[in-house]
């Protein structure tokens, strides 16, 4: 079902930042990108960190954050740039 009103990544973040205790750590220039409504479910657009689907909005939960902290600085850069 297409979105009836265009929604940017920035709007999605701003609307949910407090209630979901979100933090934005990378990809700031992408804030103005529009979220398309052509996905069959929300899971097609948003998910926990998954490098196989880099076009999704990537969510870092507690486990992803702990994994990221264990990486070397070089590995962090490589993973983020993928």
PDB file of N, CA and C in Angstrom:
ATOM      1  N   UNK A   1       0.841  -1.170   0.000  1.00  0.00           N
ATOM      2  CA  UNK A   1       0.000   0.000   0.000  1.00  0.00           C
ATOM      3  C   UNK A   1       0.889   1.237   0.000  1.00  0.00           C
ATOM      4  N   UNK A   2       0.763   2.132  -0.986  1.00  0.00           N
ATOM      5  CA  UNK A   2       1.599   3.316  -1.046  1.00  0.00           C
ATOM      6  C   UNK A   2       1.307   4.267   0.110  1.00  0.00           C
ATOM      7  N   UNK A   3       2.349   4.983   0.514  1.00  0.00           N
ATOM      8  CA  UNK A   3       2.162   6.000   1.535  1.00  0.00           C
ATOM      9  C   UNK A   3       1.310   7.120   0.960  1.00  0.00           C
ATOM     10  N   UNK A   4       0.352   7.625   1.729  1.00  0.00           N
ATOM     11  CA  UNK A   4      -0.499   8.698   1.240  1.00  0.00           C
ATOM     12  C   UNK A   4       0.207  10.047   1.316  1.00  0.00           C
ATOM     13  N   UNK A   5       1.145  10.190   2.230  1.00  0.00           N
ATOM     14  CA  UNK A   5       1.900  11.429   2.381  1.00  0.00           C
ATOM     15  C   UNK A   5       3.383  11.089   2.348  1.00  0.00           C
ATOM     16  N   UNK A   6       4.165  11.815   1.531  1.00  0.00           N
ATOM     17  CA  UNK A   6       5.606  11.529   1.508  1.00  0.00           C
ATOM     18  C   UNK A   6       6.211  11.669   2.910  1.00  0.00           C
ATOM     19  N   UNK A   7       7.097  10.759   3.244  1.00  0.00           N
ATOM     20  CA  UNK A   7       7.734  10.750   4.557  1.00  0.00           C
ATOM     21  C   UNK A   7       9.231  10.621   4.365  1.00  0.00           C
ATOM     22  N   UNK A   8       9.980  11.519   4.985  1.00  0.00           N
ATOM     23  CA  UNK A   8      11.439  11.431   4.901  1.00  0.00           C
ATOM     24  C   UNK A   8      11.975  10.639   6.082  1.00  0.00           C
ATOM     25  N   UNK A   9      13.205  10.193   5.946  1.00  0.00           N
ATOM     26  CA  UNK A   9      13.879   9.495   7.042  1.00  0.00           C
ATOM     27  C   UNK A   9      13.942  10.417   8.262  1.00  0.00           C
ATOM     28  N   UNK A  10      14.250  11.691   8.034  1.00  0.00           N
ATOM     29  CA  UNK A  10      14.337  12.660   9.131  1.00  0.00           C
ATOM     30  C   UNK A  10      13.007  12.776   9.873  1.00  0.00           C
ATOM     31  N   UNK A  11      11.898  12.828   9.134  1.00  0.00           N
ATOM     32  CA  UNK A  11      10.579  12.916   9.767  1.00  0.00           C
ATOM     33  C   UNK A  11      10.277  11.661  10.589  1.00  0.00           C
ATOM     34  N   UNK A  12      10.595  10.504  10.035  1.00  0.00           N
ATOM     35  CA  UNK A  12      10.382   9.246  10.750  1.00  0.00           C
ATOM     36  C   UNK A  12      11.164   9.250  12.058  1.00  0.00           C
ATOM     37  N   UNK A  13      12.422   9.673  11.980  1.00  0.00           N
ATOM     38  CA  UNK A  13      13.261   9.731  13.175  1.00  0.00           C
ATOM     39  C   UNK A  13      12.699  10.731  14.183  1.00  0.00           C
ATOM     40  N   UNK A  14      12.399  11.944  13.722  1.00  0.00           N
ATOM     41  CA  UNK A  14      11.899  12.982  14.631  1.00  0.00           C
ATOM     42  C   UNK A  14      10.597  12.567  15.312  1.00  0.00           C
ATOM     43  N   UNK A  15       9.714  11.922  14.556  1.00  0.00           N
ATOM     44  CA  UNK A  15       8.415  11.512  15.099  1.00  0.00           C
ATOM     45  C   UNK A  15       8.534  10.404  16.139  1.00  0.00           C
ATOM     46  N   UNK A  16       9.617   9.628  16.094  1.00  0.00           N
ATOM     47  CA  UNK A  16       9.741   8.457  16.975  1.00  0.00           C
ATOM     48  C   UNK A  16      10.932   8.500  17.925  1.00  0.00           C
ATOM     49  N   UNK A  17      11.739   9.529  17.835  1.00  0.00           N
ATOM     50  CA  UNK A  17      12.981   9.621  18.607  1.00  0.00           C
ATOM     51  C   UNK A  17      12.764   9.421  20.099  1.00  0.00           C
ATOM     52  N   UNK A  18      11.848  10.150  20.683  1.00  0.00           N
ATOM     53  CA  UNK A  18      11.666  10.068  22.132  1.00  0.00           C
ATOM     54  C   UNK A  18      10.983   8.775  22.566  1.00  0.00           C
ATOM     55  N   UNK A  19       9.899   8.422  21.897  1.00  0.00           N
ATOM     56  CA  UNK A  19       9.136   7.251  22.349  1.00  0.00           C
ATOM     57  C   UNK A  19       9.918   5.946  22.182  1.00  0.00           C
ATOM     58  N   UNK A  20      10.790   5.881  21.166  1.00  0.00           N
ATOM     59  CA  UNK A  20      11.584   4.667  20.945  1.00  0.00           C
ATOM     60  C   UNK A  20      13.030   4.806  21.417  1.00  0.00           C
ATOM     61  N   UNK A  21      13.353   5.951  22.014  1.00  0.00           N
ATOM     62  CA  UNK A  21      14.702   6.234  22.506  1.00  0.00           C
ATOM     63  C   UNK A  21      15.739   5.998  21.411  1.00  0.00           C
ATOM     64  N   UNK A  22      15.499   6.617  20.260  1.00  0.00           N
ATOM     65  CA  UNK A  22      16.382   6.450  19.115  1.00  0.00           C
ATOM     66  C   UNK A  22      17.554   7.418  19.169  1.00  0.00           C
ATOM     67  N   UNK A  23      18.649   7.007  18.585  1.00  0.00           N
ATOM     68  CA  UNK A  23      19.808   7.858  18.366  1.00  0.00           C
ATOM     69  C   UNK A  23      20.221   7.718  16.915  1.00  0.00           C
ATOM     70  N   UNK A  24      20.683   8.790  16.310  1.00  0.00           N
ATOM     71  CA  UNK A  24      21.089   8.771  14.898  1.00  0.00           C
ATOM     72  C   UNK A  24      22.601   8.941  14.878  1.00  0.00           C
ATOM     73  N   UNK A  25      23.327   7.931  14.387  1.00  0.00           N
ATOM     74  CA  UNK A  25      24.775   7.930  14.479  1.00  0.00           C
ATOM     75  C   UNK A  25      25.506   8.033  13.157  1.00  0.00           C
ATOM     76  N   UNK A  26      24.835   7.784  12.064  1.00  0.00           N
ATOM     77  CA  UNK A  26      25.500   7.835  10.755  1.00  0.00           C
ATOM     78  C   UNK A  26      24.454   8.057   9.674  1.00  0.00           C
ATOM     79  N   UNK A  27      24.914   8.445   8.506  1.00  0.00           N
ATOM     80  CA  UNK A  27      24.009   8.595   7.374  1.00  0.00           C
ATOM     81  C   UNK A  27      23.166   9.848   7.407  1.00  0.00           C
ATOM     82  N   UNK A  28      23.660  10.891   8.067  1.00  0.00           N
ATOM     83  CA  UNK A  28      22.890  12.129   8.209  1.00  0.00           C
ATOM     84  C   UNK A  28      22.439  12.732   6.871  1.00  0.00           C
ATOM     85  N   UNK A  29      23.274  12.685   5.824  1.00  0.00           N
ATOM     86  CA  UNK A  29      22.819  13.250   4.544  1.00  0.00           C
ATOM     87  C   UNK A  29      21.592  12.524   3.965  1.00  0.00           C
ATOM     88  N   UNK A  30      21.345  11.310   4.416  1.00  0.00           N
ATOM     89  CA  UNK A  30      20.194  10.559   3.922  1.00  0.00           C
ATOM     90  C   UNK A  30      18.884  10.953   4.565  1.00  0.00           C
ATOM     91  N   UNK A  31      18.916  11.883   5.494  1.00  0.00           N
ATOM     92  CA  UNK A  31      17.707  12.290   6.208  1.00  0.00           C
ATOM     93  C   UNK A  31      16.600  12.810   5.320  1.00  0.00           C
ATOM     94  N   UNK A  32      16.959  13.363   4.185  1.00  0.00           N
ATOM     95  CA  UNK A  32      15.948  13.919   3.280  1.00  0.00           C
ATOM     96  C   UNK A  32      15.420  12.897   2.275  1.00  0.00           C
ATOM     97  N   UNK A  33      15.962  11.669   2.316  1.00  0.00           N
ATOM     98  CA  UNK A  33      15.465  10.632   1.393  1.00  0.00           C
ATOM     99  C   UNK A  33      14.033  10.276   1.744  1.00  0.00           C
ATOM    100  N   UNK A  34      13.230  10.095   0.732  1.00  0.00           N
ATOM    101  CA  UNK A  34      11.835   9.712   0.935  1.00  0.00           C
ATOM    102  C   UNK A  34      11.723   8.204   1.135  1.00  0.00           C
ATOM    103  N   UNK A  35      10.854   7.820   2.040  1.00  0.00           N
ATOM    104  CA  UNK A  35      10.566   6.417   2.255  1.00  0.00           C
ATOM    105  C   UNK A  35       9.467   6.051   1.263  1.00  0.00           C
ATOM    106  N   UNK A  36       9.732   5.052   0.456  1.00  0.00           N
ATOM    107  CA  UNK A  36       8.725   4.643  -0.529  1.00  0.00           C
ATOM    108  C   UNK A  36       7.688   3.757   0.138  1.00  0.00           C
ATOM    109  N   UNK A  37       6.495   3.765  -0.384  1.00  0.00           N
ATOM    110  CA  UNK A  37       5.420   2.958   0.170  1.00  0.00           C
ATOM    111  C   UNK A  37       5.176   1.698  -0.625  1.00  0.00           C
ATOM    112  N   UNK A  38       6.179   1.275  -1.412  1.00  0.00           N
ATOM    113  CA  UNK A  38       5.949   0.119  -2.272  1.00  0.00           C
ATOM    114  C   UNK A  38       6.330  -1.214  -1.639  1.00  0.00           C
ATOM    115  N   UNK A  39       6.743  -1.212  -0.400  1.00  0.00           N
ATOM    116  CA  UNK A  39       7.082  -2.466   0.287  1.00  0.00           C
ATOM    117  C   UNK A  39       5.798  -3.156   0.745  1.00  0.00           C
ATOM    118  N   UNK A  40       5.841  -4.465   0.816  1.00  0.00           N
ATOM    119  CA  UNK A  40       4.651  -5.200   1.239  1.00  0.00           C
ATOM    120  C   UNK A  40       4.465  -5.189   2.749  1.00  0.00           C
ATOM    121  N   UNK A  41       5.532  -4.923   3.496  1.00  0.00           N
ATOM    122  CA  UNK A  41       5.413  -4.825   4.954  1.00  0.00           C
ATOM    123  C   UNK A  41       6.507  -3.904   5.482  1.00  0.00           C
ATOM    124  N   UNK A  42       6.324  -3.441   6.713  1.00  0.00           N
ATOM    125  CA  UNK A  42       7.325  -2.566   7.326  1.00  0.00           C
ATOM    126  C   UNK A  42       8.675  -3.264   7.437  1.00  0.00           C
ATOM    127  N   UNK A  43       8.650  -4.580   7.616  1.00  0.00           N
ATOM    128  CA  UNK A  43       9.901  -5.335   7.741  1.00  0.00           C
ATOM    129  C   UNK A  43      10.730  -5.273   6.461  1.00  0.00           C
ATOM    130  N   UNK A  44      10.097  -4.920   5.346  1.00  0.00           N
ATOM    131  CA  UNK A  44      10.834  -4.771   4.090  1.00  0.00           C
ATOM    132  C   UNK A  44      11.653  -3.486   4.079  1.00  0.00           C
ATOM    133  N   UNK A  45      11.335  -2.553   4.971  1.00  0.00           N
ATOM    134  CA  UNK A  45      11.998  -1.256   4.951  1.00  0.00           C
ATOM    135  C   UNK A  45      12.873  -0.984   6.163  1.00  0.00           C
ATOM    136  N   UNK A  46      12.571  -1.594   7.292  1.00  0.00           N
ATOM    137  CA  UNK A  46      13.290  -1.321   8.536  1.00  0.00           C
ATOM    138  C   UNK A  46      13.695  -2.642   9.165  1.00  0.00           C
ATOM    139  N   UNK A  47      14.883  -2.690   9.726  1.00  0.00           N
ATOM    140  CA  UNK A  47      15.275  -3.915  10.409  1.00  0.00           C
ATOM    141  C   UNK A  47      16.553  -3.733  11.196  1.00  0.00           C
ATOM    142  N   UNK A  48      16.875  -4.737  11.968  1.00  0.00           N
ATOM    143  CA  UNK A  48      18.131  -4.724  12.696  1.00  0.00           C
ATOM    144  C   UNK A  48      19.273  -4.798  11.693  1.00  0.00           C
ATOM    145  N   UNK A  49      20.436  -4.411  12.119  1.00  0.00           N
ATOM    146  CA  UNK A  49      21.596  -4.344  11.233  1.00  0.00           C
ATOM    147  C   UNK A  49      21.704  -5.614  10.406  1.00  0.00           C
ATOM    148  N   UNK A  50      21.717  -5.427   9.097  1.00  0.00           N
ATOM    149  CA  UNK A  50      21.788  -6.550   8.169  1.00  0.00           C
ATOM    150  C   UNK A  50      22.499  -6.046   6.918  1.00  0.00           C
ATOM    151  N   UNK A  51      23.756  -6.408   6.773  1.00  0.00           N
ATOM    152  CA  UNK A  51      24.552  -5.894   5.661  1.00  0.00           C
ATOM    153  C   UNK A  51      24.121  -6.459   4.309  1.00  0.00           C
ATOM    154  N   UNK A  52      23.308  -7.491   4.316  1.00  0.00           N
ATOM    155  CA  UNK A  52      22.803  -8.049   3.069  1.00  0.00           C
ATOM    156  C   UNK A  52      21.741  -7.128   2.470  1.00  0.00           C
ATOM    157  N   UNK A  53      21.059  -6.349   3.312  1.00  0.00           N
ATOM    158  CA  UNK A  53      20.008  -5.429   2.863  1.00  0.00           C
ATOM    159  C   UNK A  53      20.372  -3.994   3.255  1.00  0.00           C
ATOM    160  N   UNK A  54      21.411  -3.418   2.636  1.00  0.00           N
ATOM    161  CA  UNK A  54      21.876  -2.093   3.058  1.00  0.00           C
ATOM    162  C   UNK A  54      20.899  -0.969   2.744  1.00  0.00           C
ATOM    163  N   UNK A  55      19.920  -1.192   1.870  1.00  0.00           N
ATOM    164  CA  UNK A  55      18.960  -0.148   1.533  1.00  0.00           C
ATOM    165  C   UNK A  55      17.900   0.076   2.591  1.00  0.00           C
ATOM    166  N   UNK A  56      17.826  -0.807   3.548  1.00  0.00           N
ATOM    167  CA  UNK A  56      16.854  -0.663   4.637  1.00  0.00           C
ATOM    168  C   UNK A  56      17.346   0.353   5.647  1.00  0.00           C
ATOM    169  N   UNK A  57      16.428   0.878   6.419  1.00  0.00           N
ATOM    170  CA  UNK A  57      16.787   1.700   7.564  1.00  0.00           C
ATOM    171  C   UNK A  57      17.357   0.737   8.589  1.00  0.00           C
ATOM    172  N   UNK A  58      18.606   0.924   8.964  1.00  0.00           N
ATOM    173  CA  UNK A  58      19.283  -0.021   9.850  1.00  0.00           C
ATOM    174  C   UNK A  58      19.095   0.382  11.312  1.00  0.00           C
ATOM    175  N   UNK A  59      18.630  -0.548  12.105  1.00  0.00           N
ATOM    176  CA  UNK A  59      18.393  -0.322  13.530  1.00  0.00           C
ATOM    177  C   UNK A  59      19.445  -1.077  14.335  1.00  0.00           C
ATOM    178  N   UNK A  60      20.126  -0.362  15.207  1.00  0.00           N
ATOM    179  CA  UNK A  60      21.082  -0.982  16.121  1.00  0.00           C
ATOM    180  C   UNK A  60      20.396  -1.158  17.467  1.00  0.00           C
ATOM    181  N   UNK A  61      20.146  -2.406  17.834  1.00  0.00           N
ATOM    182  CA  UNK A  61      19.639  -2.707  19.162  1.00  0.00           C
ATOM    183  C   UNK A  61      20.816  -2.950  20.094  1.00  0.00           C
ATOM    184  N   UNK A  62      20.520  -3.453  21.278  1.00  0.00           N
ATOM    185  CA  UNK A  62      21.569  -3.699  22.271  1.00  0.00           C
ATOM    186  C   UNK A  62      22.613  -4.679  21.745  1.00  0.00           C
ATOM    187  N   UNK A  63      22.172  -5.778  21.134  1.00  0.00           N
ATOM    188  CA  UNK A  63      23.126  -6.785  20.649  1.00  0.00           C
ATOM    189  C   UNK A  63      24.002  -6.237  19.527  1.00  0.00           C
ATOM    190  N   UNK A  64      23.416  -5.467  18.611  1.00  0.00           N
ATOM    191  CA  UNK A  64      24.210  -4.899  17.525  1.00  0.00           C
ATOM    192  C   UNK A  64      25.229  -3.897  18.062  1.00  0.00           C
ATOM    193  N   UNK A  65      24.828  -3.131  19.063  1.00  0.00           N
ATOM    194  CA  UNK A  65      25.737  -2.154  19.666  1.00  0.00           C
ATOM    195  C   UNK A  65      26.904  -2.863  20.353  1.00  0.00           C
ATOM    196  N   UNK A  66      26.619  -3.930  21.077  1.00  0.00           N
ATOM    197  CA  UNK A  66      27.688  -4.683  21.747  1.00  0.00           C
ATOM    198  C   UNK A  66      28.641  -5.300  20.729  1.00  0.00           C
ATOM    199  N   UNK A  67      28.102  -5.832  19.649  1.00  0.00           N
ATOM    200  CA  UNK A  67      28.933  -6.399  18.576  1.00  0.00           C
ATOM    201  C   UNK A  67      29.827  -5.311  17.981  1.00  0.00           C
ATOM    202  N   UNK A  68      29.240  -4.175  17.690  1.00  0.00           N
ATOM    203  CA  UNK A  68      29.977  -3.067  17.081  1.00  0.00           C
ATOM    204  C   UNK A  68      31.117  -2.592  17.993  1.00  0.00           C
ATOM    205  N   UNK A  69      30.870  -2.551  19.297  1.00  0.00           N
ATOM    206  CA  UNK A  69      31.894  -2.116  20.247  1.00  0.00           C
ATOM    207  C   UNK A  69      33.084  -3.068  20.283  1.00  0.00           C
ATOM    208  N   UNK A  70      32.857  -4.342  19.970  1.00  0.00           N
ATOM    209  CA  UNK A  70      33.942  -5.326  19.985  1.00  0.00           C
ATOM    210  C   UNK A  70      34.816  -5.265  18.736  1.00  0.00           C
ATOM    211  N   UNK A  71      34.351  -4.597  17.695  1.00  0.00           N
ATOM    212  CA  UNK A  71      35.115  -4.509  16.448  1.00  0.00           C
ATOM    213  C   UNK A  71      36.293  -3.548  16.593  1.00  0.00           C
ATOM    214  N   UNK A  72      37.329  -3.804  15.834  1.00  0.00           N
ATOM    215  CA  UNK A  72      38.447  -2.864  15.789  1.00  0.00           C
ATOM    216  C   UNK A  72      37.986  -1.601  15.061  1.00  0.00           C
ATOM    217  N   UNK A  73      38.663  -0.482  15.260  1.00  0.00           N
ATOM    218  CA  UNK A  73      38.290   0.748  14.544  1.00  0.00           C
ATOM    219  C   UNK A  73      38.247   0.557  13.023  1.00  0.00           C
ATOM    220  N   UNK A  74      39.187  -0.206  12.479  1.00  0.00           N
ATOM    221  CA  UNK A  74      39.197  -0.456  11.029  1.00  0.00           C
ATOM    222  C   UNK A  74      37.970  -1.247  10.608  1.00  0.00           C
ATOM    223  N   UNK A  75      37.624  -2.270  11.366  1.00  0.00           N
ATOM    224  CA  UNK A  75      36.442  -3.074  11.052  1.00  0.00           C
ATOM    225  C   UNK A  75      35.161  -2.248  11.159  1.00  0.00           C
ATOM    226  N   UNK A  76      35.107  -1.345  12.134  1.00  0.00           N
ATOM    227  CA  UNK A  76      33.930  -0.477  12.266  1.00  0.00           C
ATOM    228  C   UNK A  76      33.741   0.360  11.014  1.00  0.00           C
ATOM    229  N   UNK A  77      34.834   0.948  10.541  1.00  0.00           N
ATOM    230  CA  UNK A  77      34.764   1.769   9.331  1.00  0.00           C
ATOM    231  C   UNK A  77      34.326   0.915   8.150  1.00  0.00           C
ATOM    232  N   UNK A  78      34.918  -0.255   7.999  1.00  0.00           N
ATOM    233  CA  UNK A  78      34.569  -1.137   6.883  1.00  0.00           C
ATOM    234  C   UNK A  78      33.098  -1.538   6.916  1.00  0.00           C
ATOM    235  N   UNK A  79      32.595  -1.902   8.086  1.00  0.00           N
ATOM    236  CA  UNK A  79      31.197  -2.307   8.210  1.00  0.00           C
ATOM    237  C   UNK A  79      30.259  -1.140   7.930  1.00  0.00           C
ATOM    238  N   UNK A  80      30.601   0.022   8.402  1.00  0.00           N
ATOM    239  CA  UNK A  80      29.758   1.195   8.207  1.00  0.00           C
ATOM    240  C   UNK A  80      29.719   1.604   6.743  1.00  0.00           C
ATOM    241  N   UNK A  81      30.844   1.482   6.058  1.00  0.00           N
ATOM    242  CA  UNK A  81      30.907   1.893   4.662  1.00  0.00           C
ATOM    243  C   UNK A  81      30.278   0.881   3.723  1.00  0.00           C
ATOM    244  N   UNK A  82      30.112  -0.356   4.173  1.00  0.00           N
ATOM    245  CA  UNK A  82      29.465  -1.369   3.328  1.00  0.00           C
ATOM    246  C   UNK A  82      28.049  -0.963   3.166  1.00  0.00           C
TER     247      UNK A  82
END
